Amino acid sequence: MNTQGTHTEQIAAFPKCFMDELCVSRSLTLFQWIEMAASLGVDGLELYPGFFTSFERPYLTDIRSALQRHQLAMPMLCASPDFTQPDQALRKAEIEKCKRMIELVDFFAASAPRTCRVLSGQRRPDISEEQGIEMVVDSIQQLLPYAQAHGVILAIENHYKDNYWTYPEFAQHLPLFSRIVHAIDSPWFGVNYDPSNAMLAGEDPLLVLDAVKERVVSMHASDRRLQPGYTLEDLRAEEEGPGYASILCHGEIGTGLNDFPSIFQTLKAVGFHGWISIEDGVNGLDELQRSVHFLRQILATFN
């Protein structure tokens, strides 16, 4: 599905650098992040379920009001459903939890396109490729009527690993990812494309994009890279442990290996006009601000 239209792409920010502060230590509140992000000149914020300390209506209303005060939309929720749970009851629980995330996107009422990120699940060693594909496709198909009822697109990401998972993404690599994407035909399902995740999978980001370009509904912009002195082989050895690999870092957009002009040229050719969310800010808001400026300049050449 393409997000065709006459509007220009809108930019959101995602605080990858503050994940633990927002989700674990709670040393940074979501209200504080909204205040910080308001200075960046972005159009919206992509949020993550772990940022919320409650899903009760009064708290959510306060969050929505804080966003509205700064004229910030919440068009993307970075949910991480784990659909490769071997136990059917646990898998059903993931589906039900994802319904709550769809409701959350709907509550914030951003203008279309509105997306709820979905993942395939963890690459558990006891799950075969065929079993995993069947679980993931079935789970997403069960969610599609609910997503449609709430006007929310489910966007599966070519992902590396959720910060708080044990195993990396089941569909990390293009062959599996592509099979899942092309097994589901619905206007309420598409792809959240992340070029850096393709790189971490040892794949060419442009080839990955070419394989799914007509299904892209949203995008993560990052220039993720390995810490100096490390290789992809080192990453493979570390990624089976709990959490996000420590040898990875998110750099300023435009300073890494991703070819953003070619990426946006490809997206422009298929009529993409979705949200682009920046995953950056490792070295502070100034870096994130420069990433916003870089993207604005690049996108201006295609509009």
C-alpha atoms as a PDB file:
ATOM      1  CA  MET A   1       0.000   0.000   0.000  1.00  0.00           C
ATOM      2  CA  ASN A   2       1.288   3.463  -0.843  1.00  0.00           C
ATOM      3  CA  THR A   3       0.394   6.587   1.085  1.00  0.00           C
ATOM      4  CA  GLN A   4      -0.261   8.551  -2.063  1.00  0.00           C
ATOM      5  CA  GLY A   5      -1.337  12.151  -1.879  1.00  0.00           C
ATOM      6  CA  THR A   6      -0.300  15.727  -2.465  1.00  0.00           C
ATOM      7  CA  HIS A   7       1.181  16.500   0.957  1.00  0.00           C
ATOM      8  CA  THR A   8       4.883  16.393   1.691  1.00  0.00           C
ATOM      9  CA  GLU A   9       6.480  13.817   3.938  1.00  0.00           C
ATOM     10  CA  GLN A  10       6.277  14.648   7.620  1.00  0.00           C
ATOM     11  CA  ILE A  11       9.092  14.077  10.075  1.00  0.00           C
ATOM     12  CA  ALA A  12       8.762  12.529  13.511  1.00  0.00           C
ATOM     13  CA  ALA A  13      11.372  11.886  16.171  1.00  0.00           C
ATOM     14  CA  PHE A  14      11.947   8.747  18.205  1.00  0.00           C
ATOM     15  CA  PRO A  15      14.237   8.983  21.284  1.00  0.00           C
ATOM     16  CA  LYS A  16      16.301   5.846  20.750  1.00  0.00           C
ATOM     17  CA  CYS A  17      19.007   7.410  22.892  1.00  0.00           C
ATOM     18  CA  PHE A  18      16.682   7.735  25.906  1.00  0.00           C
ATOM     19  CA  MET A  19      15.073   4.286  25.876  1.00  0.00           C
ATOM     20  CA  ASP A  20      16.332   3.161  29.272  1.00  0.00           C
ATOM     21  CA  GLU A  21      15.690   6.567  30.856  1.00  0.00           C
ATOM     22  CA  LEU A  22      12.092   6.462  29.627  1.00  0.00           C
ATOM     23  CA  CYS A  23      11.366   2.745  30.048  1.00  0.00           C
ATOM     24  CA  VAL A  24      13.580   1.361  32.812  1.00  0.00           C
ATOM     25  CA  SER A  25      14.949   3.932  35.261  1.00  0.00           C
ATOM     26  CA  ARG A  26      12.113   6.393  34.585  1.00  0.00           C
ATOM     27  CA  SER A  27      14.620   9.203  35.106  1.00  0.00           C
ATOM     28  CA  LEU A  28      13.022  10.919  32.110  1.00  0.00           C
ATOM     29  CA  THR A  29       9.258  11.232  31.853  1.00  0.00           C
ATOM     30  CA  LEU A  30       7.281  11.226  28.648  1.00  0.00           C
ATOM     31  CA  PHE A  31       6.168  14.772  29.472  1.00  0.00           C
ATOM     32  CA  GLN A  32       9.802  15.853  29.722  1.00  0.00           C
ATOM     33  CA  TRP A  33      10.654  14.207  26.399  1.00  0.00           C
ATOM     34  CA  ILE A  34       7.753  16.016  24.719  1.00  0.00           C
ATOM     35  CA  GLU A  35       9.057  19.338  26.057  1.00  0.00           C
ATOM     36  CA  MET A  36      12.555  18.534  24.791  1.00  0.00           C
ATOM     37  CA  ALA A  37      11.341  17.405  21.389  1.00  0.00           C
ATOM     38  CA  ALA A  38       9.228  20.528  20.904  1.00  0.00           C
ATOM     39  CA  SER A  39      12.428  22.453  20.141  1.00  0.00           C
ATOM     40  CA  LEU A  40      13.396  20.223  17.227  1.00  0.00           C
ATOM     41  CA  GLY A  41      11.010  21.512  14.583  1.00  0.00           C
ATOM     42  CA  VAL A  42       9.522  18.082  13.871  1.00  0.00           C
ATOM     43  CA  ASP A  43       5.899  17.444  12.976  1.00  0.00           C
ATOM     44  CA  GLY A  44       5.285  14.620  15.404  1.00  0.00           C
ATOM     45  CA  LEU A  45       6.686  12.067  17.821  1.00  0.00           C
ATOM     46  CA  GLU A  46       6.800   8.326  17.414  1.00  0.00           C
ATOM     47  CA  LEU A  47       6.146   6.742  20.786  1.00  0.00           C
ATOM     48  CA  TYR A  48       6.875   3.313  22.280  1.00  0.00           C
ATOM     49  CA  PRO A  49       4.547   1.470  24.692  1.00  0.00           C
ATOM     50  CA  GLY A  50       7.242   1.382  27.376  1.00  0.00           C
ATOM     51  CA  PHE A  51       7.297   5.189  27.540  1.00  0.00           C
ATOM     52  CA  PHE A  52       3.846   5.209  29.132  1.00  0.00           C
ATOM     53  CA  THR A  53       3.556   4.763  32.893  1.00  0.00           C
ATOM     54  CA  SER A  54      -0.161   4.057  32.552  1.00  0.00           C
ATOM     55  CA  PHE A  55      -2.759   3.352  29.903  1.00  0.00           C
ATOM     56  CA  GLU A  56      -5.557   4.869  31.961  1.00  0.00           C
ATOM     57  CA  ARG A  57      -7.583   7.521  30.167  1.00  0.00           C
ATOM     58  CA  PRO A  58      -6.729  10.545  32.404  1.00  0.00           C
ATOM     59  CA  TYR A  59      -2.972   9.996  31.953  1.00  0.00           C
ATOM     60  CA  LEU A  60      -3.313   9.451  28.197  1.00  0.00           C
ATOM     61  CA  THR A  61      -5.426  12.585  27.929  1.00  0.00           C
ATOM     62  CA  ASP A  62      -2.669  14.561  29.659  1.00  0.00           C
ATOM     63  CA  ILE A  63      -0.092  13.159  27.214  1.00  0.00           C
ATOM     64  CA  ARG A  64      -2.295  14.069  24.264  1.00  0.00           C
ATOM     65  CA  SER A  65      -2.765  17.579  25.634  1.00  0.00           C
ATOM     66  CA  ALA A  66       0.998  18.007  26.033  1.00  0.00           C
ATOM     67  CA  LEU A  67       1.485  17.008  22.399  1.00  0.00           C
ATOM     68  CA  GLN A  68      -1.274  19.314  21.236  1.00  0.00           C
ATOM     69  CA  ARG A  69       0.205  22.285  23.115  1.00  0.00           C
ATOM     70  CA  HIS A  70       3.288  21.941  20.940  1.00  0.00           C
ATOM     71  CA  GLN A  71       1.333  21.086  17.776  1.00  0.00           C
ATOM     72  CA  LEU A  72       2.920  17.639  17.660  1.00  0.00           C
ATOM     73  CA  ALA A  73       1.131  14.632  16.202  1.00  0.00           C
ATOM     74  CA  MET A  74       1.527  11.037  17.395  1.00  0.00           C
ATOM     75  CA  PRO A  75       1.127   9.200  14.077  1.00  0.00           C
ATOM     76  CA  MET A  76       3.358   6.183  14.767  1.00  0.00           C
ATOM     77  CA  LEU A  77       3.466   3.758  17.673  1.00  0.00           C
ATOM     78  CA  CYS A  78       6.584   1.591  17.844  1.00  0.00           C
ATOM     79  CA  ALA A  79       4.925  -1.562  19.194  1.00  0.00           C
ATOM     80  CA  SER A  80       6.849  -4.847  19.408  1.00  0.00           C
ATOM     81  CA  PRO A  81       4.431  -7.775  19.332  1.00  0.00           C
ATOM     82  CA  ASP A  82       6.087 -11.178  19.627  1.00  0.00           C
ATOM     83  CA  PHE A  83       4.094 -13.434  17.322  1.00  0.00           C
ATOM     84  CA  THR A  84       6.507 -16.387  17.405  1.00  0.00           C
ATOM     85  CA  GLN A  85       5.446 -17.430  20.893  1.00  0.00           C
ATOM     86  CA  PRO A  86       5.273 -21.267  20.683  1.00  0.00           C
ATOM     87  CA  ASP A  87       2.431 -21.389  23.192  1.00  0.00           C
ATOM     88  CA  GLN A  88      -0.873 -20.560  21.506  1.00  0.00           C
ATOM     89  CA  ALA A  89      -2.264 -18.862  24.619  1.00  0.00           C
ATOM     90  CA  LEU A  90       0.787 -16.587  24.844  1.00  0.00           C
ATOM     91  CA  ARG A  91       0.505 -15.798  21.148  1.00  0.00           C
ATOM     92  CA  LYS A  92      -3.166 -14.913  21.626  1.00  0.00           C
ATOM     93  CA  ALA A  93      -2.135 -12.621  24.462  1.00  0.00           C
ATOM     94  CA  GLU A  94       0.262 -10.840  22.093  1.00  0.00           C
ATOM     95  CA  ILE A  95      -2.591 -10.349  19.621  1.00  0.00           C
ATOM     96  CA  GLU A  96      -4.838  -8.913  22.326  1.00  0.00           C
ATOM     97  CA  LYS A  97      -2.049  -6.626  23.543  1.00  0.00           C
ATOM     98  CA  CYS A  98      -1.538  -5.399  19.992  1.00  0.00           C
ATOM     99  CA  LYS A  99      -5.234  -4.499  19.838  1.00  0.00           C
ATOM    100  CA  ARG A 100      -4.659  -2.190  22.798  1.00  0.00           C
ATOM    101  CA  MET A 101      -1.794  -0.598  20.875  1.00  0.00           C
ATOM    102  CA  ILE A 102      -4.050  -0.030  17.860  1.00  0.00           C
ATOM    103  CA  GLU A 103      -6.545   1.654  20.186  1.00  0.00           C
ATOM    104  CA  LEU A 104      -3.726   3.824  21.514  1.00  0.00           C
ATOM    105  CA  VAL A 105      -2.836   5.094  18.037  1.00  0.00           C
ATOM    106  CA  ASP A 106      -6.506   5.817  17.414  1.00  0.00           C
ATOM    107  CA  PHE A 107      -6.783   7.721  20.702  1.00  0.00           C
ATOM    108  CA  PHE A 108      -4.118  10.212  19.669  1.00  0.00           C
ATOM    109  CA  ALA A 109      -6.068  10.857  16.462  1.00  0.00           C
ATOM    110  CA  ALA A 110      -3.297  11.997  14.135  1.00  0.00           C
ATOM    111  CA  SER A 111      -4.254  12.539  10.520  1.00  0.00           C
ATOM    112  CA  ALA A 112      -3.739   9.648   8.113  1.00  0.00           C
ATOM    113  CA  PRO A 113      -1.603   7.723   7.540  1.00  0.00           C
ATOM    114  CA  ARG A 114      -1.482   6.438  11.118  1.00  0.00           C
ATOM    115  CA  THR A 115       0.605   3.351  11.778  1.00  0.00           C
ATOM    116  CA  CYS A 116       1.162   0.818  14.496  1.00  0.00           C
ATOM    117  CA  ARG A 117       4.517  -0.887  14.034  1.00  0.00           C
ATOM    118  CA  VAL A 118       4.406  -4.656  14.267  1.00  0.00           C
ATOM    119  CA  LEU A 119       7.237  -7.157  14.320  1.00  0.00           C
ATOM    120  CA  SER A 120       7.402 -10.829  13.460  1.00  0.00           C
ATOM    121  CA  GLY A 121       8.673 -11.975  16.841  1.00  0.00           C
ATOM    122  CA  GLN A 122      11.823 -13.428  18.325  1.00  0.00           C
ATOM    123  CA  ARG A 123      13.982 -15.901  16.414  1.00  0.00           C
ATOM    124  CA  ARG A 124      13.588 -18.707  18.919  1.00  0.00           C
ATOM    125  CA  PRO A 125      15.858 -21.676  18.217  1.00  0.00           C
ATOM    126  CA  ASP A 126      13.014 -24.190  18.522  1.00  0.00           C
ATOM    127  CA  ILE A 127      10.806 -22.508  15.894  1.00  0.00           C
ATOM    128  CA  SER A 128      11.293 -23.495  12.253  1.00  0.00           C
ATOM    129  CA  GLU A 129      11.001 -20.975   9.444  1.00  0.00           C
ATOM    130  CA  GLU A 130       7.729 -22.466   8.229  1.00  0.00           C
ATOM    131  CA  GLN A 131       6.249 -22.546  11.725  1.00  0.00           C
ATOM    132  CA  GLY A 132       7.301 -18.956  12.341  1.00  0.00           C
ATOM    133  CA  ILE A 133       5.876 -17.659   9.076  1.00  0.00           C
ATOM    134  CA  GLU A 134       2.561 -19.386   9.743  1.00  0.00           C
ATOM    135  CA  MET A 135       2.363 -17.914  13.261  1.00  0.00           C
ATOM    136  CA  VAL A 136       3.218 -14.381  12.144  1.00  0.00           C
ATOM    137  CA  VAL A 137       0.916 -14.284   9.118  1.00  0.00           C
ATOM    138  CA  ASP A 138      -1.985 -15.755  11.082  1.00  0.00           C
ATOM    139  CA  SER A 139      -1.511 -13.287  13.953  1.00  0.00           C
ATOM    140  CA  ILE A 140      -1.411 -10.243  11.683  1.00  0.00           C
ATOM    141  CA  GLN A 141      -4.407 -11.422   9.694  1.00  0.00           C
ATOM    142  CA  GLN A 142      -6.371 -11.762  12.922  1.00  0.00           C
ATOM    143  CA  LEU A 143      -5.545  -8.125  13.715  1.00  0.00           C
ATOM    144  CA  LEU A 144      -6.411  -6.613  10.333  1.00  0.00           C
ATOM    145  CA  PRO A 145     -10.185  -6.209  10.881  1.00  0.00           C
ATOM    146  CA  TYR A 146      -9.472  -4.472  14.187  1.00  0.00           C
ATOM    147  CA  ALA A 147      -6.898  -2.206  12.582  1.00  0.00           C
ATOM    148  CA  GLN A 148      -9.322  -1.293   9.807  1.00  0.00           C
ATOM    149  CA  ALA A 149     -12.077  -0.512  12.306  1.00  0.00           C
ATOM    150  CA  HIS A 150      -9.756   1.973  14.000  1.00  0.00           C
ATOM    151  CA  GLY A 151      -8.265   3.436  10.828  1.00  0.00           C
ATOM    152  CA  VAL A 152      -4.746   2.287  11.698  1.00  0.00           C
ATOM    153  CA  ILE A 153      -2.247   0.653   9.333  1.00  0.00           C
ATOM    154  CA  LEU A 154      -0.136  -2.224  10.671  1.00  0.00           C
ATOM    155  CA  ALA A 155       3.437  -1.601   9.507  1.00  0.00           C
ATOM    156  CA  ILE A 156       5.858  -4.513   9.794  1.00  0.00           C
ATOM    157  CA  GLU A 157       9.471  -3.427  10.121  1.00  0.00           C
ATOM    158  CA  ASN A 158      12.570  -5.081   8.684  1.00  0.00           C
ATOM    159  CA  HIS A 159      13.882  -5.115  12.202  1.00  0.00           C
ATOM    160  CA  TYR A 160      17.025  -6.049  14.108  1.00  0.00           C
ATOM    161  CA  LYS A 161      15.951  -6.598  17.707  1.00  0.00           C
ATOM    162  CA  ASP A 162      13.714  -4.955  20.269  1.00  0.00           C
ATOM    163  CA  ASN A 163      15.730  -3.402  23.084  1.00  0.00           C
ATOM    164  CA  TYR A 164      14.239  -5.762  25.647  1.00  0.00           C
ATOM    165  CA  TRP A 165      14.104  -9.067  23.743  1.00  0.00           C
ATOM    166  CA  THR A 166      16.361 -12.077  24.231  1.00  0.00           C
ATOM    167  CA  TYR A 167      16.559 -13.218  20.608  1.00  0.00           C
ATOM    168  CA  PRO A 168      16.868 -11.120  17.438  1.00  0.00           C
ATOM    169  CA  GLU A 169      14.037 -10.637  14.952  1.00  0.00           C
ATOM    170  CA  PHE A 170      12.636 -13.801  13.381  1.00  0.00           C
ATOM    171  CA  ALA A 171      12.231 -12.094   9.988  1.00  0.00           C
ATOM    172  CA  GLN A 172      15.449 -10.093  10.223  1.00  0.00           C
ATOM    173  CA  HIS A 173      16.613 -11.165   6.774  1.00  0.00           C
ATOM    174  CA  LEU A 174      14.924 -10.283   3.499  1.00  0.00           C
ATOM    175  CA  PRO A 175      13.891 -13.779   2.321  1.00  0.00           C
ATOM    176  CA  LEU A 176      11.718 -14.384   5.405  1.00  0.00           C
ATOM    177  CA  PHE A 177      10.609 -10.764   5.682  1.00  0.00           C
ATOM    178  CA  SER A 178       9.542 -10.678   2.050  1.00  0.00           C
ATOM    179  CA  ARG A 179       7.568 -13.918   2.362  1.00  0.00           C
ATOM    180  CA  ILE A 180       5.565 -12.483   5.258  1.00  0.00           C
ATOM    181  CA  VAL A 181       4.968  -9.149   3.528  1.00  0.00           C
ATOM    182  CA  HIS A 182       3.766 -10.738   0.313  1.00  0.00           C
ATOM    183  CA  ALA A 183       1.585 -13.289   2.114  1.00  0.00           C
ATOM    184  CA  ILE A 184      -0.689 -10.515   3.416  1.00  0.00           C
ATOM    185  CA  ASP A 185      -2.716  -8.473   0.939  1.00  0.00           C
ATOM    186  CA  SER A 186      -4.564  -5.665   2.693  1.00  0.00           C
ATOM    187  CA  PRO A 187      -4.680  -1.862   2.493  1.00  0.00           C
ATOM    188  CA  TRP A 188      -4.314  -1.926   6.286  1.00  0.00           C
ATOM    189  CA  PHE A 189      -0.939  -3.641   6.191  1.00  0.00           C
ATOM    190  CA  GLY A 190       2.385  -2.347   4.925  1.00  0.00           C
ATOM    191  CA  VAL A 191       6.077  -1.965   5.666  1.00  0.00           C
ATOM    192  CA  ASN A 192       7.989   0.318   8.002  1.00  0.00           C
ATOM    193  CA  TYR A 193      11.323   0.473   6.186  1.00  0.00           C
ATOM    194  CA  ASP A 194      14.561   0.893   8.140  1.00  0.00           C
ATOM    195  CA  PRO A 195      17.713   1.065   5.987  1.00  0.00           C
ATOM    196  CA  SER A 196      20.076   0.660   8.930  1.00  0.00           C
ATOM    197  CA  ASN A 197      18.431  -2.591   9.981  1.00  0.00           C
ATOM    198  CA  ALA A 198      19.043  -3.941   6.476  1.00  0.00           C
ATOM    199  CA  MET A 199      22.697  -3.068   6.880  1.00  0.00           C
ATOM    200  CA  LEU A 200      22.862  -4.850  10.235  1.00  0.00           C
ATOM    201  CA  ALA A 201      21.393  -7.927   8.567  1.00  0.00           C
ATOM    202  CA  GLY A 202      24.323  -7.861   6.151  1.00  0.00           C
ATOM    203  CA  GLU A 203      22.047  -6.809   3.299  1.00  0.00           C
ATOM    204  CA  ASP A 204      22.074  -3.879   0.879  1.00  0.00           C
ATOM    205  CA  PRO A 205      19.481  -1.350   2.122  1.00  0.00           C
ATOM    206  CA  LEU A 206      18.606  -0.365  -1.441  1.00  0.00           C
ATOM    207  CA  LEU A 207      18.002  -3.977  -2.491  1.00  0.00           C
ATOM    208  CA  VAL A 208      15.789  -4.528   0.551  1.00  0.00           C
ATOM    209  CA  LEU A 209      13.849  -1.381  -0.289  1.00  0.00           C
ATOM    210  CA  ASP A 210      13.464  -2.415  -3.917  1.00  0.00           C
ATOM    211  CA  ALA A 211      11.915  -5.723  -2.828  1.00  0.00           C
ATOM    212  CA  VAL A 212       9.164  -4.062  -0.763  1.00  0.00           C
ATOM    213  CA  LYS A 213       9.063  -0.451  -2.022  1.00  0.00           C
ATOM    214  CA  GLU A 214       5.441  -0.528  -3.119  1.00  0.00           C
ATOM    215  CA  ARG A 215       4.384  -1.669   0.366  1.00  0.00           C
ATOM    216  CA  VAL A 216       6.247   0.999   2.368  1.00  0.00           C
ATOM    217  CA  VAL A 217       3.894   3.142   4.473  1.00  0.00           C
ATOM    218  CA  SER A 218       6.401   4.632   6.943  1.00  0.00           C
ATOM    219  CA  MET A 219      10.132   4.792   7.495  1.00  0.00           C
ATOM    220  CA  HIS A 220      12.749   4.920  10.216  1.00  0.00           C
ATOM    221  CA  ALA A 221      15.663   7.188   9.357  1.00  0.00           C
ATOM    222  CA  SER A 222      18.864   6.322  11.169  1.00  0.00           C
ATOM    223  CA  ASP A 223      22.536   5.945  10.466  1.00  0.00           C
ATOM    224  CA  ARG A 224      23.119   3.122  12.898  1.00  0.00           C
ATOM    225  CA  ARG A 225      26.589   1.652  12.892  1.00  0.00           C
ATOM    226  CA  LEU A 226      28.943  -0.668  14.720  1.00  0.00           C
ATOM    227  CA  GLN A 227      31.274   0.687  17.353  1.00  0.00           C
ATOM    228  CA  PRO A 228      34.831   1.195  15.988  1.00  0.00           C
ATOM    229  CA  GLY A 229      36.809  -2.023  15.807  1.00  0.00           C
ATOM    230  CA  TYR A 230      33.811  -4.366  15.580  1.00  0.00           C
ATOM    231  CA  THR A 231      32.459  -6.382  12.643  1.00  0.00           C
ATOM    232  CA  LEU A 232      29.124  -7.915  11.659  1.00  0.00           C
ATOM    233  CA  GLU A 233      30.526 -11.245  12.847  1.00  0.00           C
ATOM    234  CA  ASP A 234      30.968  -9.716  16.305  1.00  0.00           C
ATOM    235  CA  LEU A 235      27.366  -8.520  16.150  1.00  0.00           C
ATOM    236  CA  ARG A 236      26.103 -12.017  15.281  1.00  0.00           C
ATOM    237  CA  ALA A 237      27.934 -13.395  18.315  1.00  0.00           C
ATOM    238  CA  GLU A 238      26.431 -10.792  20.655  1.00  0.00           C
ATOM    239  CA  GLU A 239      22.855 -10.580  19.391  1.00  0.00           C
ATOM    240  CA  GLU A 240      21.719 -13.884  20.932  1.00  0.00           C
ATOM    241  CA  GLY A 241      22.070 -12.413  24.411  1.00  0.00           C
ATOM    242  CA  PRO A 242      19.396 -10.450  26.279  1.00  0.00           C
ATOM    243  CA  GLY A 243      18.798  -6.865  25.196  1.00  0.00           C
ATOM    244  CA  TYR A 244      20.138  -4.695  22.412  1.00  0.00           C
ATOM    245  CA  ALA A 245      23.730  -5.301  21.301  1.00  0.00           C
ATOM    246  CA  SER A 246      26.103  -2.945  23.118  1.00  0.00           C
ATOM    247  CA  ILE A 247      28.412  -2.600  20.113  1.00  0.00           C
ATOM    248  CA  LEU A 248      25.728  -0.755  18.131  1.00  0.00           C
ATOM    249  CA  CYS A 249      25.293   2.997  18.128  1.00  0.00           C
ATOM    250  CA  HIS A 250      22.972   5.436  16.397  1.00  0.00           C
ATOM    251  CA  GLY A 251      24.754   8.255  14.627  1.00  0.00           C
ATOM    252  CA  GLU A 252      23.756  11.570  13.152  1.00  0.00           C
ATOM    253  CA  ILE A 253      21.690  11.161   9.985  1.00  0.00           C
ATOM    254  CA  GLY A 254      23.764  11.798   6.890  1.00  0.00           C
ATOM    255  CA  THR A 255      27.104  10.948   8.479  1.00  0.00           C
ATOM    256  CA  GLY A 256      26.925   7.179   8.086  1.00  0.00           C
ATOM    257  CA  LEU A 257      26.723   4.662   5.272  1.00  0.00           C
ATOM    258  CA  ASN A 258      23.090   5.029   4.208  1.00  0.00           C
ATOM    259  CA  ASP A 259      22.470   6.578   0.784  1.00  0.00           C
ATOM    260  CA  PHE A 260      19.458   8.721   1.682  1.00  0.00           C
ATOM    261  CA  PRO A 261      19.173  10.524  -1.691  1.00  0.00           C
ATOM    262  CA  SER A 262      18.829   7.153  -3.460  1.00  0.00           C
ATOM    263  CA  ILE A 263      16.423   5.883  -0.803  1.00  0.00           C
ATOM    264  CA  PHE A 264      14.123   8.870  -1.188  1.00  0.00           C
ATOM    265  CA  GLN A 265      14.398   8.759  -4.963  1.00  0.00           C
ATOM    266  CA  THR A 266      13.113   5.176  -4.880  1.00  0.00           C
ATOM    267  CA  LEU A 267      10.298   6.058  -2.480  1.00  0.00           C
ATOM    268  CA  LYS A 268       9.318   9.120  -4.489  1.00  0.00           C
ATOM    269  CA  ALA A 269       9.042   6.982  -7.638  1.00  0.00           C
ATOM    270  CA  VAL A 270       6.374   4.783  -6.005  1.00  0.00           C
ATOM    271  CA  GLY A 271       4.376   7.683  -4.578  1.00  0.00           C
ATOM    272  CA  PHE A 272       5.444   7.440  -0.928  1.00  0.00           C
ATOM    273  CA  HIS A 273       4.190  10.274   1.283  1.00  0.00           C
ATOM    274  CA  GLY A 274       4.297   8.627   4.709  1.00  0.00           C
ATOM    275  CA  TRP A 275       5.853   9.641   7.992  1.00  0.00           C
ATOM    276  CA  ILE A 276       9.621   9.459   8.441  1.00  0.00           C
ATOM    277  CA  SER A 277      10.757   8.946  12.022  1.00  0.00           C
ATOM    278  CA  ILE A 278      14.300   9.814  13.060  1.00  0.00           C
ATOM    279  CA  GLU A 279      16.109   7.395  15.379  1.00  0.00           C
ATOM    280  CA  ASP A 280      18.995   9.512  16.584  1.00  0.00           C
ATOM    281  CA  GLY A 281      20.226  11.775  19.349  1.00  0.00           C
ATOM    282  CA  VAL A 282      22.847   9.536  20.940  1.00  0.00           C
ATOM    283  CA  ASN A 283      24.989  12.572  21.632  1.00  0.00           C
ATOM    284  CA  GLY A 284      22.192  14.914  22.583  1.00  0.00           C
ATOM    285  CA  LEU A 285      19.502  17.099  21.082  1.00  0.00           C
ATOM    286  CA  ASP A 286      21.946  19.136  18.990  1.00  0.00           C
ATOM    287  CA  GLU A 287      22.776  16.022  17.006  1.00  0.00           C
ATOM    288  CA  LEU A 288      19.099  15.188  16.610  1.00  0.00           C
ATOM    289  CA  GLN A 289      18.463  18.749  15.445  1.00  0.00           C
ATOM    290  CA  ARG A 290      21.119  18.386  12.750  1.00  0.00           C
ATOM    291  CA  SER A 291      19.504  15.136  11.634  1.00  0.00           C
ATOM    292  CA  VAL A 292      16.172  16.930  11.254  1.00  0.00           C
ATOM    293  CA  HIS A 293      17.851  19.672   9.212  1.00  0.00           C
ATOM    294  CA  PHE A 294      19.601  17.114   6.984  1.00  0.00           C
ATOM    295  CA  LEU A 295      16.361  15.276   6.249  1.00  0.00           C
ATOM    296  CA  ARG A 296      14.477  18.507   5.531  1.00  0.00           C
ATOM    297  CA  GLN A 297      17.143  19.475   2.988  1.00  0.00           C
ATOM    298  CA  ILE A 298      17.123  16.087   1.272  1.00  0.00           C
ATOM    299  CA  LEU A 299      13.344  15.840   1.148  1.00  0.00           C
ATOM    300  CA  ALA A 300      13.040  19.367  -0.272  1.00  0.00           C
ATOM    301  CA  THR A 301      14.843  18.231  -3.405  1.00  0.00           C
ATOM    302  CA  PHE A 302      12.129  15.636  -4.083  1.00  0.00           C
ATOM    303  CA  ASN A 303       9.045  17.839  -3.538  1.00  0.00           C
END
